[in-house]
């Protein structure tokens, strides 16, 4: 016990015990980060799509040419032409199930067209993982629909191009 008491009461050394280490000299400030460089990329002009020119008087040839032109110039995996009853007139890369929706869809749009200012002759509809886009034109012989199936809806410009091509194709059928 006496040795313990001797340790506690032992004279303190003249050295000071530092509990906190001295502060390090200040570091030079890091240079300010430069603002990220924003590279402006000019938007690509829309892909120039040639007008569809029909050279045949044969209705089957005209419809096949329309489907081939659509597949060649628009972002889609499949294309079809149907009448307003949903009867497939020409198709490539699309299931009959998709085309079978056209008749009921066009019939349903008849009521929508009674709303003043609503065109309803073009649109897009999600069908599972794919988007079906369509345009429609009316003739004295009934309505015709040109549709595509792809990953996304077509652009407004593409809808205009498809509608013009469909009208060119069915004129005189």
C-alpha atoms as a PDB file:
ATOM      1  CA  UNK A   1       0.000   0.000   0.000  1.00  0.00           C
ATOM      2  CA  UNK A   2       2.799   2.311   0.817  1.00  0.00           C
ATOM      3  CA  UNK A   3       4.198   1.838  -2.692  1.00  0.00           C
ATOM      4  CA  UNK A   4       0.828   2.767  -4.135  1.00  0.00           C
ATOM      5  CA  UNK A   5       0.640   5.817  -1.923  1.00  0.00           C
ATOM      6  CA  UNK A   6       4.155   6.761  -2.970  1.00  0.00           C
ATOM      7  CA  UNK A   7       3.177   6.647  -6.600  1.00  0.00           C
ATOM      8  CA  UNK A   8       0.158   8.838  -6.045  1.00  0.00           C
ATOM      9  CA  UNK A   9       1.959  11.385  -3.949  1.00  0.00           C
ATOM     10  CA  UNK A  10       5.204  11.322  -5.926  1.00  0.00           C
ATOM     11  CA  UNK A  11       6.397  14.736  -6.992  1.00  0.00           C
ATOM     12  CA  UNK A  12       5.248  15.658 -10.417  1.00  0.00           C
ATOM     13  CA  UNK A  13       7.730  16.218 -13.098  1.00  0.00           C
ATOM     14  CA  UNK A  14       8.199  19.697 -14.306  1.00  0.00           C
ATOM     15  CA  UNK A  15       7.198  18.661 -17.790  1.00  0.00           C
ATOM     16  CA  UNK A  16       3.734  19.536 -18.704  1.00  0.00           C
ATOM     17  CA  UNK A  17       1.608  16.815 -20.064  1.00  0.00           C
ATOM     18  CA  UNK A  18      -0.305  17.889 -23.096  1.00  0.00           C
ATOM     19  CA  UNK A  19      -3.678  16.347 -23.489  1.00  0.00           C
ATOM     20  CA  UNK A  20      -4.356  17.953 -26.835  1.00  0.00           C
ATOM     21  CA  UNK A  21      -1.823  17.829 -29.578  1.00  0.00           C
ATOM     22  CA  UNK A  22      -0.814  21.166 -30.991  1.00  0.00           C
ATOM     23  CA  UNK A  23      -2.810  22.327 -34.013  1.00  0.00           C
ATOM     24  CA  UNK A  24      -1.293  21.540 -37.327  1.00  0.00           C
ATOM     25  CA  UNK A  25      -0.510  24.521 -39.467  1.00  0.00           C
ATOM     26  CA  UNK A  26      -3.432  25.404 -41.695  1.00  0.00           C
ATOM     27  CA  UNK A  27      -3.472  23.675 -45.052  1.00  0.00           C
ATOM     28  CA  UNK A  28      -3.607  25.862 -48.085  1.00  0.00           C
ATOM     29  CA  UNK A  29      -7.152  26.094 -49.413  1.00  0.00           C
ATOM     30  CA  UNK A  30      -7.946  23.749 -52.241  1.00  0.00           C
ATOM     31  CA  UNK A  31      -8.398  25.531 -55.507  1.00  0.00           C
ATOM     32  CA  UNK A  32     -12.084  26.034 -56.264  1.00  0.00           C
ATOM     33  CA  UNK A  33     -13.586  23.345 -58.440  1.00  0.00           C
ATOM     34  CA  UNK A  34     -14.204  24.461 -61.942  1.00  0.00           C
ATOM     35  CA  UNK A  35     -17.795  24.444 -63.070  1.00  0.00           C
ATOM     36  CA  UNK A  36     -18.553  21.412 -65.227  1.00  0.00           C
ATOM     37  CA  UNK A  37     -18.135  22.139 -68.871  1.00  0.00           C
ATOM     38  CA  UNK A  38     -21.419  21.954 -70.682  1.00  0.00           C
ATOM     39  CA  UNK A  39     -21.059  20.835 -74.225  1.00  0.00           C
ATOM     40  CA  UNK A  40     -23.893  21.997 -76.378  1.00  0.00           C
ATOM     41  CA  UNK A  41     -24.721  19.537 -79.078  1.00  0.00           C
ATOM     42  CA  UNK A  42     -26.688  20.882 -81.946  1.00  0.00           C
ATOM     43  CA  UNK A  43     -29.856  18.867 -82.381  1.00  0.00           C
ATOM     44  CA  UNK A  44     -29.755  16.583 -85.335  1.00  0.00           C
ATOM     45  CA  UNK A  45     -32.100  17.620 -88.064  1.00  0.00           C
ATOM     46  CA  UNK A  46     -34.970  15.191 -88.454  1.00  0.00           C
ATOM     47  CA  UNK A  47     -34.242  12.315 -90.770  1.00  0.00           C
ATOM     48  CA  UNK A  48     -35.445  13.238 -94.217  1.00  0.00           C
ATOM     49  CA  UNK A  49     -38.128  10.758 -95.206  1.00  0.00           C
ATOM     50  CA  UNK A  50     -38.859  10.572 -98.927  1.00  0.00           C
ATOM     51  CA  UNK A  51     -42.468  10.801-100.008  1.00  0.00           C
ATOM     52  CA  UNK A  52     -44.110   7.534-100.928  1.00  0.00           C
ATOM     53  CA  UNK A  53     -44.642   7.282-104.659  1.00  0.00           C
ATOM     54  CA  UNK A  54     -47.104   4.644-105.800  1.00  0.00           C
ATOM     55  CA  UNK A  55     -46.357   3.313-109.282  1.00  0.00           C
ATOM     56  CA  UNK A  56     -48.808   0.419-109.456  1.00  0.00           C
ATOM     57  CA  UNK A  57     -52.539   0.314-109.967  1.00  0.00           C
ATOM     58  CA  UNK A  58     -52.752  -3.099-108.290  1.00  0.00           C
ATOM     59  CA  UNK A  59     -54.226  -2.652-104.761  1.00  0.00           C
ATOM     60  CA  UNK A  60     -52.128  -5.463-103.239  1.00  0.00           C
ATOM     61  CA  UNK A  61     -48.916  -3.988-104.689  1.00  0.00           C
ATOM     62  CA  UNK A  62     -49.844  -0.527-103.414  1.00  0.00           C
ATOM     63  CA  UNK A  63     -50.503  -1.818 -99.880  1.00  0.00           C
ATOM     64  CA  UNK A  64     -47.296  -3.880 -99.856  1.00  0.00           C
ATOM     65  CA  UNK A  65     -45.326  -0.823-101.022  1.00  0.00           C
ATOM     66  CA  UNK A  66     -46.874   1.244 -98.213  1.00  0.00           C
ATOM     67  CA  UNK A  67     -45.912  -1.325 -95.549  1.00  0.00           C
ATOM     68  CA  UNK A  68     -42.371  -1.660 -96.953  1.00  0.00           C
ATOM     69  CA  UNK A  69     -41.954   2.148 -97.065  1.00  0.00           C
ATOM     70  CA  UNK A  70     -43.212   2.434 -93.467  1.00  0.00           C
ATOM     71  CA  UNK A  71     -40.777  -0.209 -92.192  1.00  0.00           C
ATOM     72  CA  UNK A  72     -37.876   1.357 -94.086  1.00  0.00           C
ATOM     73  CA  UNK A  73     -38.405   4.931 -92.920  1.00  0.00           C
ATOM     74  CA  UNK A  74     -39.966   4.828 -89.447  1.00  0.00           C
ATOM     75  CA  UNK A  75     -38.889   3.447 -86.063  1.00  0.00           C
ATOM     76  CA  UNK A  76     -41.029   0.340 -85.833  1.00  0.00           C
ATOM     77  CA  UNK A  77     -40.761  -3.426 -85.637  1.00  0.00           C
ATOM     78  CA  UNK A  78     -43.916  -4.083 -87.624  1.00  0.00           C
ATOM     79  CA  UNK A  79     -46.497  -2.341 -89.772  1.00  0.00           C
ATOM     80  CA  UNK A  80     -49.976  -3.105 -91.051  1.00  0.00           C
ATOM     81  CA  UNK A  81     -52.842  -1.733 -93.080  1.00  0.00           C
ATOM     82  CA  UNK A  82     -56.385  -2.603 -92.091  1.00  0.00           C
ATOM     83  CA  UNK A  83     -59.839  -1.445 -93.021  1.00  0.00           C
ATOM     84  CA  UNK A  84     -62.200   0.066 -90.473  1.00  0.00           C
ATOM     85  CA  UNK A  85     -63.675  -3.377 -89.799  1.00  0.00           C
ATOM     86  CA  UNK A  86     -60.274  -4.579 -88.627  1.00  0.00           C
ATOM     87  CA  UNK A  87     -59.652  -6.746 -91.696  1.00  0.00           C
ATOM     88  CA  UNK A  88     -55.905  -6.948 -92.335  1.00  0.00           C
ATOM     89  CA  UNK A  89     -55.121  -5.867 -95.863  1.00  0.00           C
ATOM     90  CA  UNK A  90     -51.313  -6.005 -95.569  1.00  0.00           C
ATOM     91  CA  UNK A  91     -48.938  -6.634 -92.668  1.00  0.00           C
ATOM     92  CA  UNK A  92     -45.346  -7.413 -91.817  1.00  0.00           C
ATOM     93  CA  UNK A  93     -43.787  -8.093 -88.408  1.00  0.00           C
ATOM     94  CA  UNK A  94     -47.034  -7.792 -86.456  1.00  0.00           C
ATOM     95  CA  UNK A  95     -49.367 -10.307 -84.877  1.00  0.00           C
ATOM     96  CA  UNK A  96     -52.978 -10.799 -85.911  1.00  0.00           C
ATOM     97  CA  UNK A  97     -53.906 -10.041 -82.282  1.00  0.00           C
ATOM     98  CA  UNK A  98     -52.602  -6.486 -82.671  1.00  0.00           C
ATOM     99  CA  UNK A  99     -54.399  -5.976 -85.962  1.00  0.00           C
ATOM    100  CA  UNK A 100     -57.619  -7.424 -84.518  1.00  0.00           C
ATOM    101  CA  UNK A 101     -57.739  -4.459 -82.133  1.00  0.00           C
ATOM    102  CA  UNK A 102     -58.008  -1.986 -84.993  1.00  0.00           C
ATOM    103  CA  UNK A 103     -61.708  -2.535 -85.792  1.00  0.00           C
ATOM    104  CA  UNK A 104     -62.936  -2.052 -82.201  1.00  0.00           C
ATOM    105  CA  UNK A 105     -60.515   0.847 -81.712  1.00  0.00           C
ATOM    106  CA  UNK A 106     -61.716   2.712 -84.797  1.00  0.00           C
ATOM    107  CA  UNK A 107     -65.340   2.027 -83.847  1.00  0.00           C
ATOM    108  CA  UNK A 108     -64.739   3.477 -80.383  1.00  0.00           C
ATOM    109  CA  UNK A 109     -63.153   6.577 -81.900  1.00  0.00           C
ATOM    110  CA  UNK A 110     -66.345   7.350 -83.852  1.00  0.00           C
ATOM    111  CA  UNK A 111     -67.885   8.686 -80.631  1.00  0.00           C
ATOM    112  CA  UNK A 112     -64.746  10.622 -79.759  1.00  0.00           C
ATOM    113  CA  UNK A 113     -64.854  12.394 -83.130  1.00  0.00           C
ATOM    114  CA  UNK A 114     -68.227  13.936 -82.228  1.00  0.00           C
ATOM    115  CA  UNK A 115     -66.429  16.195 -79.738  1.00  0.00           C
ATOM    116  CA  UNK A 116     -65.851  19.554 -81.456  1.00  0.00           C
ATOM    117  CA  UNK A 117     -62.189  20.173 -82.258  1.00  0.00           C
ATOM    118  CA  UNK A 118     -61.102  16.549 -81.798  1.00  0.00           C
ATOM    119  CA  UNK A 119     -59.494  14.928 -84.841  1.00  0.00           C
ATOM    120  CA  UNK A 120     -58.940  11.387 -83.449  1.00  0.00           C
ATOM    121  CA  UNK A 121     -57.571  10.056 -86.736  1.00  0.00           C
ATOM    122  CA  UNK A 122     -54.156   9.302 -85.259  1.00  0.00           C
ATOM    123  CA  UNK A 123     -52.948   8.034 -81.934  1.00  0.00           C
ATOM    124  CA  UNK A 124     -50.885   5.614 -79.912  1.00  0.00           C
ATOM    125  CA  UNK A 125     -51.788   2.892 -77.455  1.00  0.00           C
ATOM    126  CA  UNK A 126     -49.597   0.814 -75.130  1.00  0.00           C
ATOM    127  CA  UNK A 127     -50.104  -2.885 -75.795  1.00  0.00           C
ATOM    128  CA  UNK A 128     -48.072  -4.646 -73.138  1.00  0.00           C
ATOM    129  CA  UNK A 129     -44.427  -3.783 -73.750  1.00  0.00           C
ATOM    130  CA  UNK A 130     -45.017  -2.280 -77.192  1.00  0.00           C
ATOM    131  CA  UNK A 131     -46.647   0.864 -78.482  1.00  0.00           C
ATOM    132  CA  UNK A 132     -49.081   0.691 -81.370  1.00  0.00           C
ATOM    133  CA  UNK A 133     -49.286   3.946 -83.316  1.00  0.00           C
ATOM    134  CA  UNK A 134     -51.835   4.461 -86.057  1.00  0.00           C
ATOM    135  CA  UNK A 135     -53.207   6.927 -88.544  1.00  0.00           C
ATOM    136  CA  UNK A 136     -56.537   6.688 -90.259  1.00  0.00           C
ATOM    137  CA  UNK A 137     -58.070   8.110 -93.371  1.00  0.00           C
ATOM    138  CA  UNK A 138     -61.657   8.010 -94.576  1.00  0.00           C
ATOM    139  CA  UNK A 139     -62.720   7.492 -98.160  1.00  0.00           C
ATOM    140  CA  UNK A 140     -66.047   6.977 -99.872  1.00  0.00           C
ATOM    141  CA  UNK A 141     -65.355   3.237 -99.604  1.00  0.00           C
ATOM    142  CA  UNK A 142     -64.749   3.355 -95.836  1.00  0.00           C
ATOM    143  CA  UNK A 143     -61.884   3.917 -93.475  1.00  0.00           C
ATOM    144  CA  UNK A 144     -58.348   2.629 -93.707  1.00  0.00           C
ATOM    145  CA  UNK A 145     -55.767   2.460 -90.963  1.00  0.00           C
ATOM    146  CA  UNK A 146     -51.985   2.321 -91.208  1.00  0.00           C
ATOM    147  CA  UNK A 147     -50.387   1.188 -87.978  1.00  0.00           C
ATOM    148  CA  UNK A 148     -46.979   0.470 -86.550  1.00  0.00           C
ATOM    149  CA  UNK A 149     -45.757  -1.413 -83.520  1.00  0.00           C
ATOM    150  CA  UNK A 150     -42.541  -0.388 -81.819  1.00  0.00           C
ATOM    151  CA  UNK A 151     -40.853   0.589 -78.576  1.00  0.00           C
ATOM    152  CA  UNK A 152     -42.356   4.083 -78.455  1.00  0.00           C
ATOM    153  CA  UNK A 153     -44.990   6.249 -80.051  1.00  0.00           C
ATOM    154  CA  UNK A 154     -44.151   7.900 -83.327  1.00  0.00           C
ATOM    155  CA  UNK A 155     -43.455  11.615 -83.528  1.00  0.00           C
ATOM    156  CA  UNK A 156     -45.979  14.146 -84.769  1.00  0.00           C
ATOM    157  CA  UNK A 157     -43.942  14.512 -87.951  1.00  0.00           C
ATOM    158  CA  UNK A 158     -43.974  10.736 -88.489  1.00  0.00           C
ATOM    159  CA  UNK A 159     -47.763  10.674 -88.018  1.00  0.00           C
ATOM    160  CA  UNK A 160     -48.105  13.343 -90.727  1.00  0.00           C
ATOM    161  CA  UNK A 161     -45.853  11.378 -93.086  1.00  0.00           C
ATOM    162  CA  UNK A 162     -47.773   8.150 -92.487  1.00  0.00           C
ATOM    163  CA  UNK A 163     -51.130   9.828 -93.009  1.00  0.00           C
ATOM    164  CA  UNK A 164     -49.986  11.357 -96.298  1.00  0.00           C
ATOM    165  CA  UNK A 165     -48.602   7.995 -97.465  1.00  0.00           C
ATOM    166  CA  UNK A 166     -51.824   6.202 -96.489  1.00  0.00           C
ATOM    167  CA  UNK A 167     -53.959   8.750 -98.362  1.00  0.00           C
ATOM    168  CA  UNK A 168     -51.729   8.410-101.434  1.00  0.00           C
ATOM    169  CA  UNK A 169     -52.054   4.628-101.277  1.00  0.00           C
ATOM    170  CA  UNK A 170     -55.831   4.311-100.837  1.00  0.00           C
ATOM    171  CA  UNK A 171     -56.698   7.032-103.330  1.00  0.00           C
ATOM    172  CA  UNK A 172     -58.503   5.214-106.111  1.00  0.00           C
ATOM    173  CA  UNK A 173     -58.725   1.811-104.411  1.00  0.00           C
END
